[in-house]
């Protein structure tokens, strides 16, 4: 399943010039970390995080708190040569049922990890702010969207009267895995800009 997840990540990111290298898979048995509520989230990351700030760490939980599919940190500006303690909490926490072949119907093809990796690379939700006005996801070529998507309602438009419909096929919406198709050029540009925050350490 881990290998299939890595393949799903590369299917999402290879088209925009990013390759995910699957370096290691480890297994940990810890009831508190499986749920990862409150302090347990930081405890597990501080104990398990591997690599530098430029290394993506994905943590799959059997019973992630709140019934959510995933959550992830965004890149931030850290001083050069920052110690591990400053970025140990970095990474993505994901429900194990979203792995390819997992138990969460509609979301078990690896799309959640691809979505969360988008956050790790600096992308916000296409419905950021839940409003038809404002800055949204800070990307110019994603149409305004005031609500997240459930399923794959092609033609959905939560901001009628504004140019473009909802980005139901975009990796940064909440659509089902089969609905996802790609990123916009603006999102790819933002990833390139934000990567510098990680690459410098």
N, C-alpha and C. Protein backbone atom coordinates (compact mmCIF):
# COMPACT_ATOMS: atom_id res chain seq x y z
N UNK A 1 0.82 -1.20 0.00
CA UNK A 1 0.00 0.00 0.00
C UNK A 1 0.86 1.26 0.00
N UNK A 2 1.98 1.20 0.71
CA UNK A 2 2.88 2.37 0.73
C UNK A 2 3.47 2.60 -0.65
N UNK A 3 3.85 1.54 -1.33
CA UNK A 3 4.39 1.68 -2.68
C UNK A 3 3.33 2.21 -3.64
N UNK A 4 2.09 1.73 -3.48
CA UNK A 4 1.00 2.20 -4.32
C UNK A 4 0.71 3.67 -4.04
N UNK A 5 0.86 4.08 -2.78
CA UNK A 5 0.66 5.49 -2.44
C UNK A 5 1.74 6.36 -3.08
N UNK A 6 2.98 5.91 -3.05
CA UNK A 6 4.05 6.65 -3.70
C UNK A 6 3.78 6.78 -5.19
N UNK A 7 3.27 5.73 -5.80
CA UNK A 7 2.94 5.78 -7.24
C UNK A 7 1.81 6.77 -7.49
N UNK A 8 0.83 6.82 -6.59
CA UNK A 8 -0.28 7.76 -6.74
C UNK A 8 0.21 9.20 -6.61
N UNK A 9 1.15 9.42 -5.69
CA UNK A 9 1.73 10.76 -5.54
C UNK A 9 2.45 11.18 -6.82
N UNK A 10 3.20 10.27 -7.39
CA UNK A 10 3.93 10.61 -8.61
C UNK A 10 3.00 10.79 -9.80
N UNK A 11 1.88 10.07 -9.82
CA UNK A 11 0.90 10.28 -10.88
C UNK A 11 0.33 11.69 -10.81
N UNK A 12 0.20 12.21 -9.59
CA UNK A 12 -0.32 13.57 -9.40
C UNK A 12 0.73 14.63 -9.67
N UNK A 13 1.98 14.37 -9.28
CA UNK A 13 3.00 15.42 -9.29
C UNK A 13 4.00 15.35 -10.45
N UNK A 14 4.19 14.19 -11.06
CA UNK A 14 5.10 14.12 -12.21
C UNK A 14 4.71 15.08 -13.33
N UNK A 15 3.39 15.25 -13.61
CA UNK A 15 3.02 16.17 -14.69
C UNK A 15 3.43 17.63 -14.46
N UNK A 16 3.72 18.00 -13.20
CA UNK A 16 4.17 19.37 -12.95
C UNK A 16 5.66 19.40 -12.59
N UNK A 17 6.38 18.32 -12.93
CA UNK A 17 7.83 18.31 -12.76
C UNK A 17 8.34 17.94 -11.39
N UNK A 18 7.50 17.32 -10.55
CA UNK A 18 7.92 16.92 -9.20
C UNK A 18 7.90 15.41 -9.10
N UNK A 19 8.97 14.84 -8.57
CA UNK A 19 9.04 13.40 -8.33
C UNK A 19 9.17 13.15 -6.84
N UNK A 20 8.35 12.25 -6.34
CA UNK A 20 8.40 11.85 -4.93
C UNK A 20 9.20 10.55 -4.85
N UNK A 21 10.27 10.56 -4.09
CA UNK A 21 11.08 9.36 -3.91
C UNK A 21 10.69 8.69 -2.59
N UNK A 22 10.20 7.47 -2.68
CA UNK A 22 9.80 6.70 -1.50
C UNK A 22 11.06 6.12 -0.87
N UNK A 23 11.48 6.70 0.24
CA UNK A 23 12.75 6.32 0.86
C UNK A 23 12.58 5.25 1.92
N UNK A 24 11.54 5.34 2.74
CA UNK A 24 11.42 4.42 3.86
C UNK A 24 9.97 4.32 4.32
N UNK A 25 9.61 3.15 4.81
CA UNK A 25 8.32 2.93 5.47
C UNK A 25 8.60 2.28 6.81
N UNK A 26 8.03 2.82 7.88
CA UNK A 26 8.18 2.20 9.20
C UNK A 26 6.79 2.06 9.83
N UNK A 27 6.69 1.16 10.79
CA UNK A 27 5.42 0.90 11.46
C UNK A 27 5.59 1.10 12.96
N UNK A 28 4.64 1.78 13.57
CA UNK A 28 4.68 2.06 15.01
C UNK A 28 3.33 1.70 15.61
N UNK A 29 3.35 1.00 16.74
CA UNK A 29 2.12 0.68 17.46
C UNK A 29 2.04 1.56 18.70
N UNK A 30 1.07 2.47 18.70
CA UNK A 30 0.90 3.39 19.82
C UNK A 30 -0.54 3.92 19.74
N UNK A 31 -1.37 3.55 20.70
CA UNK A 31 -2.79 3.92 20.63
C UNK A 31 -3.00 5.43 20.59
N UNK A 32 -2.24 6.17 21.40
CA UNK A 32 -2.40 7.63 21.44
C UNK A 32 -1.99 8.25 20.11
N UNK A 33 -0.92 7.76 19.53
CA UNK A 33 -0.44 8.30 18.26
C UNK A 33 -1.35 7.91 17.11
N UNK A 34 -2.01 6.76 17.21
CA UNK A 34 -2.94 6.35 16.16
C UNK A 34 -4.10 7.32 16.06
N UNK A 35 -4.50 7.90 17.20
CA UNK A 35 -5.59 8.87 17.25
C UNK A 35 -5.05 10.29 17.04
N UNK A 36 -3.88 10.56 17.60
CA UNK A 36 -3.14 11.82 17.39
C UNK A 36 -3.95 13.06 17.74
N UNK A 37 -4.47 13.09 18.96
CA UNK A 37 -5.21 14.26 19.42
C UNK A 37 -4.34 15.08 20.36
N UNK A 38 -4.37 16.40 20.21
CA UNK A 38 -3.65 17.28 21.12
C UNK A 38 -2.14 17.07 21.09
N UNK A 39 -1.56 16.93 22.26
CA UNK A 39 -0.10 16.82 22.39
C UNK A 39 0.45 15.58 21.70
N UNK A 40 -0.37 14.54 21.55
CA UNK A 40 0.11 13.30 20.92
C UNK A 40 0.56 13.54 19.49
N UNK A 41 -0.05 14.52 18.80
CA UNK A 41 0.34 14.82 17.42
C UNK A 41 1.80 15.27 17.37
N UNK A 42 2.17 16.22 18.23
CA UNK A 42 3.55 16.69 18.25
C UNK A 42 4.50 15.62 18.77
N UNK A 43 4.06 14.85 19.76
CA UNK A 43 4.91 13.79 20.32
C UNK A 43 5.33 12.79 19.24
N UNK A 44 4.37 12.37 18.43
CA UNK A 44 4.70 11.35 17.42
C UNK A 44 5.63 11.93 16.36
N UNK A 45 5.40 13.19 15.99
CA UNK A 45 6.25 13.78 14.97
C UNK A 45 7.67 14.01 15.49
N UNK A 46 7.79 14.47 16.71
CA UNK A 46 9.12 14.68 17.28
C UNK A 46 9.87 13.36 17.40
N UNK A 47 9.15 12.27 17.65
CA UNK A 47 9.80 10.97 17.79
C UNK A 47 10.13 10.32 16.45
N UNK A 48 9.28 10.52 15.45
CA UNK A 48 9.40 9.76 14.21
C UNK A 48 9.94 10.52 13.01
N UNK A 49 9.93 11.85 13.05
CA UNK A 49 10.28 12.60 11.84
C UNK A 49 11.69 12.28 11.37
N UNK A 50 11.82 12.05 10.08
CA UNK A 50 13.12 11.71 9.48
C UNK A 50 13.49 12.73 8.42
N UNK A 51 14.79 12.90 8.23
CA UNK A 51 15.29 13.75 7.16
C UNK A 51 15.32 15.23 7.49
N UNK A 52 15.55 16.03 6.46
CA UNK A 52 15.67 17.48 6.61
C UNK A 52 14.30 18.13 6.42
N UNK A 53 14.28 19.45 6.45
CA UNK A 53 13.03 20.20 6.24
C UNK A 53 12.52 20.01 4.81
N UNK A 54 13.36 19.59 3.90
CA UNK A 54 12.97 19.37 2.51
C UNK A 54 12.50 17.94 2.26
N UNK A 55 12.41 17.13 3.32
CA UNK A 55 11.96 15.75 3.18
C UNK A 55 10.52 15.62 3.67
N UNK A 56 9.65 15.16 2.80
CA UNK A 56 8.24 14.98 3.12
C UNK A 56 8.05 13.76 4.02
N UNK A 57 7.41 13.98 5.16
CA UNK A 57 7.07 12.89 6.07
C UNK A 57 5.56 12.74 6.10
N UNK A 58 5.07 11.55 5.75
CA UNK A 58 3.64 11.25 5.77
C UNK A 58 3.37 10.25 6.89
N UNK A 59 2.42 10.58 7.76
CA UNK A 59 2.07 9.70 8.88
C UNK A 59 0.63 9.22 8.65
N UNK A 60 0.45 7.92 8.53
CA UNK A 60 -0.88 7.35 8.30
C UNK A 60 -1.40 6.76 9.61
N UNK A 61 -2.58 7.19 10.01
CA UNK A 61 -3.16 6.84 11.31
C UNK A 61 -4.37 5.93 11.13
N UNK A 62 -4.48 4.93 11.99
CA UNK A 62 -5.61 4.01 11.90
C UNK A 62 -6.90 4.65 12.39
N UNK A 63 -6.81 5.70 13.20
CA UNK A 63 -8.01 6.31 13.79
C UNK A 63 -7.78 7.79 14.03
N UNK A 64 -7.51 8.56 12.97
CA UNK A 64 -7.15 9.96 13.10
C UNK A 64 -8.25 10.77 13.78
N UNK A 65 -7.88 11.57 14.77
CA UNK A 65 -8.82 12.33 15.60
C UNK A 65 -9.77 13.17 14.76
N UNK A 66 -11.01 13.25 15.18
CA UNK A 66 -12.00 14.10 14.54
C UNK A 66 -12.62 13.51 13.29
N UNK A 67 -12.22 12.31 12.92
CA UNK A 67 -12.77 11.68 11.73
C UNK A 67 -12.36 12.36 10.43
N UNK A 68 -11.30 13.18 10.48
CA UNK A 68 -10.85 13.89 9.27
C UNK A 68 -10.03 12.95 8.39
N UNK A 69 -9.90 13.31 7.11
CA UNK A 69 -9.09 12.51 6.20
C UNK A 69 -7.61 12.85 6.32
N UNK A 70 -7.29 14.10 6.62
CA UNK A 70 -5.89 14.47 6.74
C UNK A 70 -5.69 15.90 7.14
N UNK A 71 -4.46 16.21 7.50
CA UNK A 71 -4.05 17.57 7.82
C UNK A 71 -2.55 17.66 7.55
N UNK A 72 -2.07 18.85 7.23
CA UNK A 72 -0.66 19.00 6.91
C UNK A 72 -0.16 20.40 7.22
N UNK A 73 1.13 20.51 7.46
CA UNK A 73 1.73 21.82 7.70
C UNK A 73 2.06 22.50 6.38
N UNK A 74 2.08 23.82 6.42
CA UNK A 74 2.52 24.62 5.29
C UNK A 74 3.99 24.97 5.50
N UNK A 75 4.72 25.28 4.44
CA UNK A 75 6.12 25.71 4.62
C UNK A 75 6.18 27.07 5.29
N UNK A 76 7.20 27.28 6.08
CA UNK A 76 7.41 28.58 6.72
C UNK A 76 8.88 28.95 6.63
N UNK A 77 9.16 30.21 6.81
CA UNK A 77 10.54 30.70 6.68
C UNK A 77 11.30 30.41 7.98
N UNK A 78 12.30 29.56 7.88
CA UNK A 78 13.13 29.22 9.03
C UNK A 78 14.55 29.73 8.80
N UNK A 79 15.26 30.09 9.86
CA UNK A 79 16.65 30.54 9.70
C UNK A 79 17.51 29.43 9.10
N UNK A 80 18.53 29.80 8.31
CA UNK A 80 19.44 28.78 7.76
C UNK A 80 20.05 27.93 8.87
N UNK A 81 20.26 26.66 8.58
CA UNK A 81 20.85 25.71 9.52
C UNK A 81 20.03 25.58 10.80
N UNK A 82 18.71 25.72 10.69
CA UNK A 82 17.84 25.56 11.86
C UNK A 82 17.93 24.14 12.41
N UNK A 83 17.93 24.00 13.74
CA UNK A 83 17.98 22.65 14.32
C UNK A 83 16.68 21.90 14.07
N UNK A 84 16.76 20.59 14.12
CA UNK A 84 15.61 19.72 13.86
C UNK A 84 14.41 20.10 14.72
N UNK A 85 14.64 20.55 15.95
CA UNK A 85 13.55 20.88 16.86
C UNK A 85 12.62 21.94 16.29
N UNK A 86 13.14 22.81 15.41
CA UNK A 86 12.32 23.88 14.85
C UNK A 86 11.37 23.39 13.75
N UNK A 87 11.67 22.23 13.16
CA UNK A 87 10.79 21.73 12.10
C UNK A 87 10.31 20.30 12.35
N UNK A 88 10.51 19.79 13.54
CA UNK A 88 10.13 18.40 13.82
C UNK A 88 8.63 18.18 13.68
N UNK A 89 7.82 19.21 13.90
CA UNK A 89 6.37 19.05 13.80
C UNK A 89 5.86 19.13 12.36
N UNK A 90 6.77 19.33 11.41
CA UNK A 90 6.41 19.43 10.00
C UNK A 90 5.98 18.07 9.46
N UNK A 91 5.04 18.08 8.53
CA UNK A 91 4.62 16.83 7.89
C UNK A 91 3.12 16.72 7.77
N UNK A 92 2.66 15.61 7.18
CA UNK A 92 1.24 15.40 6.93
C UNK A 92 0.73 14.19 7.70
N UNK A 93 -0.43 14.34 8.31
CA UNK A 93 -1.08 13.26 9.05
C UNK A 93 -2.35 12.88 8.31
N UNK A 94 -2.47 11.59 7.99
CA UNK A 94 -3.49 11.14 7.04
C UNK A 94 -4.17 9.87 7.56
N UNK A 95 -5.46 9.76 7.34
CA UNK A 95 -6.20 8.55 7.70
C UNK A 95 -5.72 7.39 6.85
N UNK A 96 -5.37 6.28 7.49
CA UNK A 96 -4.83 5.12 6.78
C UNK A 96 -5.83 4.55 5.77
N UNK A 97 -7.11 4.76 6.02
CA UNK A 97 -8.13 4.26 5.11
C UNK A 97 -8.13 4.91 3.75
N UNK A 98 -7.34 6.01 3.60
CA UNK A 98 -7.25 6.68 2.29
C UNK A 98 -6.12 6.12 1.43
N UNK A 99 -5.31 5.23 1.97
CA UNK A 99 -4.27 4.59 1.17
C UNK A 99 -4.92 3.81 0.02
N UNK A 100 -4.22 3.64 -1.09
CA UNK A 100 -4.79 2.83 -2.18
C UNK A 100 -5.20 1.45 -1.68
N UNK A 101 -6.46 1.12 -1.91
CA UNK A 101 -7.00 -0.15 -1.43
C UNK A 101 -7.53 -0.06 -0.01
N UNK A 102 -7.55 1.14 0.56
CA UNK A 102 -8.01 1.34 1.92
C UNK A 102 -9.52 1.23 2.06
N UNK A 103 -10.01 1.53 3.28
CA UNK A 103 -11.41 1.27 3.62
C UNK A 103 -12.36 2.44 3.40
N UNK A 104 -11.86 3.64 3.07
CA UNK A 104 -12.73 4.81 2.95
C UNK A 104 -13.17 4.96 1.49
N UNK A 105 -14.36 4.48 1.21
CA UNK A 105 -14.89 4.45 -0.15
C UNK A 105 -14.90 5.83 -0.79
N UNK A 106 -14.38 5.90 -2.02
CA UNK A 106 -14.32 7.16 -2.74
C UNK A 106 -13.05 7.95 -2.49
N UNK A 107 -12.39 7.62 -1.40
CA UNK A 107 -11.16 8.33 -1.01
C UNK A 107 -10.03 7.33 -0.73
N UNK A 108 -10.04 6.21 -1.43
CA UNK A 108 -9.05 5.16 -1.16
C UNK A 108 -8.19 4.83 -2.38
N UNK A 109 -7.83 5.90 -3.10
CA UNK A 109 -6.91 5.74 -4.24
C UNK A 109 -5.64 6.56 -4.06
N UNK A 110 -5.44 7.07 -2.85
CA UNK A 110 -4.23 7.85 -2.58
C UNK A 110 -4.36 9.33 -2.80
N UNK A 111 -5.56 9.82 -3.13
CA UNK A 111 -5.75 11.23 -3.41
C UNK A 111 -5.61 12.15 -2.21
N UNK A 112 -5.94 11.64 -1.01
CA UNK A 112 -5.82 12.49 0.17
C UNK A 112 -4.37 12.85 0.43
N UNK A 113 -3.47 11.90 0.30
CA UNK A 113 -2.05 12.20 0.50
C UNK A 113 -1.56 13.19 -0.55
N UNK A 114 -2.06 13.08 -1.78
CA UNK A 114 -1.67 14.03 -2.82
C UNK A 114 -2.19 15.43 -2.48
N UNK A 115 -3.41 15.51 -1.98
CA UNK A 115 -3.98 16.79 -1.55
C UNK A 115 -3.16 17.40 -0.41
N UNK A 116 -2.88 16.59 0.60
CA UNK A 116 -2.12 17.09 1.76
C UNK A 116 -0.69 17.48 1.36
N UNK A 117 -0.10 16.75 0.45
CA UNK A 117 1.23 17.11 -0.05
C UNK A 117 1.20 18.47 -0.71
N UNK A 118 0.08 18.80 -1.36
CA UNK A 118 -0.08 20.13 -1.94
C UNK A 118 0.06 21.22 -0.88
N UNK A 119 -0.52 20.97 0.31
CA UNK A 119 -0.35 21.93 1.41
C UNK A 119 1.11 22.01 1.83
N UNK A 120 1.76 20.86 1.93
CA UNK A 120 3.17 20.81 2.34
C UNK A 120 4.04 21.61 1.37
N UNK A 121 3.61 21.64 0.11
CA UNK A 121 4.34 22.39 -0.91
C UNK A 121 3.93 23.86 -0.97
N UNK A 122 2.95 24.26 -0.16
CA UNK A 122 2.59 25.67 -0.07
C UNK A 122 1.25 26.06 -0.65
N UNK A 123 0.45 25.10 -1.10
CA UNK A 123 -0.85 25.43 -1.69
C UNK A 123 -1.96 25.44 -0.64
N UNK A 124 -2.90 26.36 -0.82
CA UNK A 124 -4.07 26.46 0.04
C UNK A 124 -5.26 25.82 -0.68
N UNK A 125 -6.37 25.65 0.03
CA UNK A 125 -7.58 25.13 -0.61
C UNK A 125 -8.09 26.10 -1.66
N UNK A 126 -8.67 25.60 -2.72
CA UNK A 126 -9.25 26.47 -3.74
C UNK A 126 -10.46 27.22 -3.20
N UNK A 127 -11.01 26.76 -2.08
CA UNK A 127 -12.15 27.43 -1.44
C UNK A 127 -11.69 28.21 -0.19
N UNK A 128 -10.40 28.48 -0.08
CA UNK A 128 -9.84 29.17 1.09
C UNK A 128 -10.64 30.44 1.39
N UNK A 129 -11.05 30.58 2.65
CA UNK A 129 -11.82 31.74 3.06
C UNK A 129 -13.32 31.56 2.92
N UNK A 130 -13.75 30.52 2.20
CA UNK A 130 -15.18 30.23 2.00
C UNK A 130 -15.95 31.49 1.60
N UNK A 131 -15.44 32.21 0.61
CA UNK A 131 -16.02 33.49 0.23
C UNK A 131 -15.80 33.72 -1.26
N UNK A 132 -16.71 34.47 -1.88
CA UNK A 132 -16.56 34.78 -3.30
C UNK A 132 -15.70 36.01 -3.54
N UNK A 133 -15.33 36.69 -2.49
CA UNK A 133 -14.43 37.84 -2.60
C UNK A 133 -13.22 37.62 -1.71
N UNK A 134 -12.28 38.49 -1.78
CA UNK A 134 -11.08 38.33 -0.97
C UNK A 134 -9.97 37.64 -1.73
N UNK A 135 -8.93 37.27 -1.02
CA UNK A 135 -7.73 36.72 -1.65
C UNK A 135 -7.81 35.24 -1.95
N UNK A 136 -8.73 34.52 -1.34
CA UNK A 136 -8.87 33.09 -1.60
C UNK A 136 -7.58 32.33 -1.36
N UNK A 137 -7.17 31.55 -2.36
CA UNK A 137 -5.98 30.70 -2.20
C UNK A 137 -4.68 31.38 -2.65
N UNK A 138 -4.75 32.69 -2.92
CA UNK A 138 -3.58 33.49 -3.32
C UNK A 138 -3.04 33.10 -4.70
N UNK A 139 -3.85 32.42 -5.49
CA UNK A 139 -3.46 32.02 -6.85
C UNK A 139 -4.46 32.65 -7.82
N UNK A 140 -3.96 33.38 -8.80
CA UNK A 140 -4.82 34.16 -9.70
C UNK A 140 -5.69 33.33 -10.64
N UNK A 141 -5.22 32.14 -11.03
CA UNK A 141 -5.97 31.42 -12.06
C UNK A 141 -6.88 30.31 -11.52
N UNK A 142 -7.15 30.31 -10.21
CA UNK A 142 -8.18 29.43 -9.66
C UNK A 142 -9.41 30.29 -9.41
N UNK A 143 -10.56 29.96 -10.00
CA UNK A 143 -11.77 30.78 -9.83
C UNK A 143 -12.19 30.88 -8.37
N UNK A 144 -12.89 31.97 -8.05
CA UNK A 144 -13.43 32.14 -6.69
C UNK A 144 -14.36 30.97 -6.38
N UNK A 145 -14.27 30.48 -5.15
CA UNK A 145 -15.07 29.33 -4.72
C UNK A 145 -15.41 29.51 -3.25
N UNK A 146 -16.68 29.44 -2.90
CA UNK A 146 -17.10 29.74 -1.53
C UNK A 146 -17.41 28.52 -0.69
N UNK A 147 -17.27 27.34 -1.25
CA UNK A 147 -17.53 26.13 -0.48
C UNK A 147 -16.68 24.98 -1.00
N UNK A 148 -16.43 24.03 -0.11
CA UNK A 148 -15.68 22.85 -0.52
C UNK A 148 -16.61 21.92 -1.31
N UNK A 149 -15.99 20.97 -1.99
CA UNK A 149 -16.75 20.05 -2.84
C UNK A 149 -16.89 18.69 -2.18
N UNK A 150 -18.04 18.09 -2.35
CA UNK A 150 -18.29 16.73 -1.89
C UNK A 150 -18.64 15.90 -3.11
N UNK A 151 -17.89 14.83 -3.36
CA UNK A 151 -18.13 14.02 -4.54
C UNK A 151 -17.46 14.61 -5.76
N UNK A 152 -18.17 14.62 -6.89
CA UNK A 152 -17.62 15.18 -8.13
C UNK A 152 -18.73 15.84 -8.94
N UNK A 153 -19.31 16.92 -8.39
CA UNK A 153 -20.42 17.59 -9.08
C UNK A 153 -19.94 18.50 -10.20
N UNK A 154 -19.68 17.94 -11.36
CA UNK A 154 -19.18 18.71 -12.50
C UNK A 154 -20.17 19.83 -12.83
N UNK A 155 -19.66 21.03 -13.01
CA UNK A 155 -20.50 22.18 -13.29
C UNK A 155 -20.89 22.97 -12.05
N UNK A 156 -20.49 22.52 -10.88
CA UNK A 156 -20.79 23.23 -9.63
C UNK A 156 -20.20 24.64 -9.68
N UNK A 157 -20.97 25.62 -9.21
CA UNK A 157 -20.51 27.01 -9.22
C UNK A 157 -21.03 27.72 -7.98
N UNK A 158 -20.20 27.80 -6.96
CA UNK A 158 -20.62 28.40 -5.69
C UNK A 158 -20.50 29.92 -5.70
N UNK A 159 -19.96 30.49 -6.78
CA UNK A 159 -19.85 31.95 -6.92
C UNK A 159 -20.43 32.36 -8.28
N UNK A 160 -21.73 32.17 -8.47
CA UNK A 160 -22.34 32.52 -9.76
C UNK A 160 -22.19 34.01 -10.04
N UNK A 161 -22.00 34.31 -11.31
CA UNK A 161 -21.79 35.71 -11.69
C UNK A 161 -20.33 36.07 -11.80
N UNK A 162 -19.45 35.24 -11.23
CA UNK A 162 -18.01 35.45 -11.36
C UNK A 162 -17.46 34.47 -12.40
N UNK A 163 -16.34 34.80 -12.97
CA UNK A 163 -15.77 33.99 -14.03
C UNK A 163 -15.34 32.62 -13.52
N UNK A 164 -15.71 31.59 -14.25
CA UNK A 164 -15.28 30.23 -13.93
C UNK A 164 -16.16 29.57 -12.88
N UNK A 165 -16.27 28.26 -12.98
CA UNK A 165 -17.00 27.49 -11.97
C UNK A 165 -16.04 26.96 -10.92
N UNK A 166 -16.55 26.17 -10.00
CA UNK A 166 -15.72 25.61 -8.93
C UNK A 166 -14.70 24.62 -9.49
N UNK A 167 -13.56 24.57 -8.83
CA UNK A 167 -12.43 23.74 -9.30
C UNK A 167 -12.55 22.31 -8.77
N UNK A 168 -13.64 21.65 -9.14
CA UNK A 168 -13.89 20.31 -8.59
C UNK A 168 -12.84 19.29 -9.02
N UNK A 169 -12.13 19.55 -10.11
CA UNK A 169 -11.10 18.61 -10.58
C UNK A 169 -9.71 18.97 -10.07
N UNK A 170 -9.62 19.98 -9.24
CA UNK A 170 -8.32 20.44 -8.73
C UNK A 170 -7.94 19.68 -7.46
N UNK A 171 -6.68 19.31 -7.37
CA UNK A 171 -6.20 18.56 -6.22
C UNK A 171 -6.43 19.28 -4.89
N UNK A 172 -6.63 20.58 -4.92
CA UNK A 172 -6.77 21.32 -3.67
C UNK A 172 -8.22 21.60 -3.29
N UNK A 173 -9.17 20.85 -3.88
CA UNK A 173 -10.55 20.85 -3.42
C UNK A 173 -10.75 19.61 -2.56
N UNK A 174 -11.97 19.32 -2.14
CA UNK A 174 -12.27 18.14 -1.32
C UNK A 174 -13.01 17.07 -2.11
N UNK A 175 -12.81 17.01 -3.40
CA UNK A 175 -13.52 16.06 -4.25
C UNK A 175 -13.09 14.62 -3.97
N UNK A 176 -13.84 13.67 -4.51
CA UNK A 176 -13.43 12.28 -4.40
C UNK A 176 -12.18 12.05 -5.26
N UNK A 177 -11.45 11.01 -4.95
CA UNK A 177 -10.18 10.76 -5.63
C UNK A 177 -10.32 10.68 -7.15
N UNK A 178 -11.36 10.02 -7.62
CA UNK A 178 -11.53 9.83 -9.07
C UNK A 178 -11.79 11.14 -9.79
N UNK A 179 -12.18 12.17 -9.06
CA UNK A 179 -12.53 13.46 -9.67
C UNK A 179 -11.29 14.32 -9.93
N UNK A 180 -10.23 14.08 -9.17
CA UNK A 180 -9.04 14.92 -9.28
C UNK A 180 -8.34 14.75 -10.63
N UNK A 181 -7.87 15.89 -11.17
CA UNK A 181 -7.17 15.85 -12.47
C UNK A 181 -5.85 16.60 -12.47
N UNK A 182 -5.72 17.69 -11.72
CA UNK A 182 -4.45 18.40 -11.79
C UNK A 182 -4.43 19.72 -11.05
N UNK A 183 -3.40 20.50 -11.36
CA UNK A 183 -3.17 21.81 -10.78
C UNK A 183 -3.21 22.86 -11.88
N UNK A 184 -3.40 24.12 -11.53
CA UNK A 184 -3.33 25.20 -12.51
C UNK A 184 -1.88 25.68 -12.63
N UNK A 185 -1.62 26.43 -13.69
CA UNK A 185 -0.27 26.99 -13.88
C UNK A 185 0.09 27.90 -12.72
N UNK A 186 -0.88 28.63 -12.20
CA UNK A 186 -0.61 29.51 -11.07
C UNK A 186 -0.23 28.74 -9.82
N UNK A 187 -0.87 27.62 -9.60
CA UNK A 187 -0.52 26.78 -8.45
C UNK A 187 0.90 26.23 -8.60
N UNK A 188 1.24 25.81 -9.80
CA UNK A 188 2.59 25.30 -10.05
C UNK A 188 3.62 26.39 -9.78
N UNK A 189 3.32 27.61 -10.19
CA UNK A 189 4.21 28.73 -9.91
C UNK A 189 4.37 28.99 -8.43
N UNK A 190 3.26 28.89 -7.68
CA UNK A 190 3.33 29.10 -6.23
C UNK A 190 4.18 28.02 -5.56
N UNK A 191 4.02 26.78 -6.00
CA UNK A 191 4.85 25.69 -5.45
C UNK A 191 6.33 26.00 -5.66
N UNK A 192 6.68 26.47 -6.84
CA UNK A 192 8.07 26.81 -7.13
C UNK A 192 8.59 27.90 -6.21
N UNK A 193 7.76 28.89 -5.94
CA UNK A 193 8.16 29.98 -5.05
C UNK A 193 8.30 29.49 -3.61
N UNK A 194 7.35 28.70 -3.16
CA UNK A 194 7.34 28.24 -1.77
C UNK A 194 8.42 27.21 -1.49
N UNK A 195 8.85 26.47 -2.52
CA UNK A 195 9.87 25.44 -2.31
C UNK A 195 11.16 26.03 -1.77
N UNK A 196 11.43 27.26 -2.11
CA UNK A 196 12.64 27.91 -1.61
C UNK A 196 12.70 27.98 -0.10
N UNK A 197 11.54 27.99 0.56
CA UNK A 197 11.51 28.01 2.03
C UNK A 197 12.03 26.71 2.61
N UNK A 198 11.85 25.61 1.90
CA UNK A 198 12.30 24.31 2.39
C UNK A 198 13.72 23.99 1.93
N UNK A 199 14.01 24.38 0.69
CA UNK A 199 15.27 24.01 0.07
C UNK A 199 16.48 24.64 0.76
N UNK A 200 16.25 25.78 1.42
CA UNK A 200 17.37 26.50 2.02
C UNK A 200 17.94 25.89 3.29
N UNK A 201 17.23 24.90 3.84
CA UNK A 201 17.71 24.31 5.09
C UNK A 201 18.46 23.00 4.84
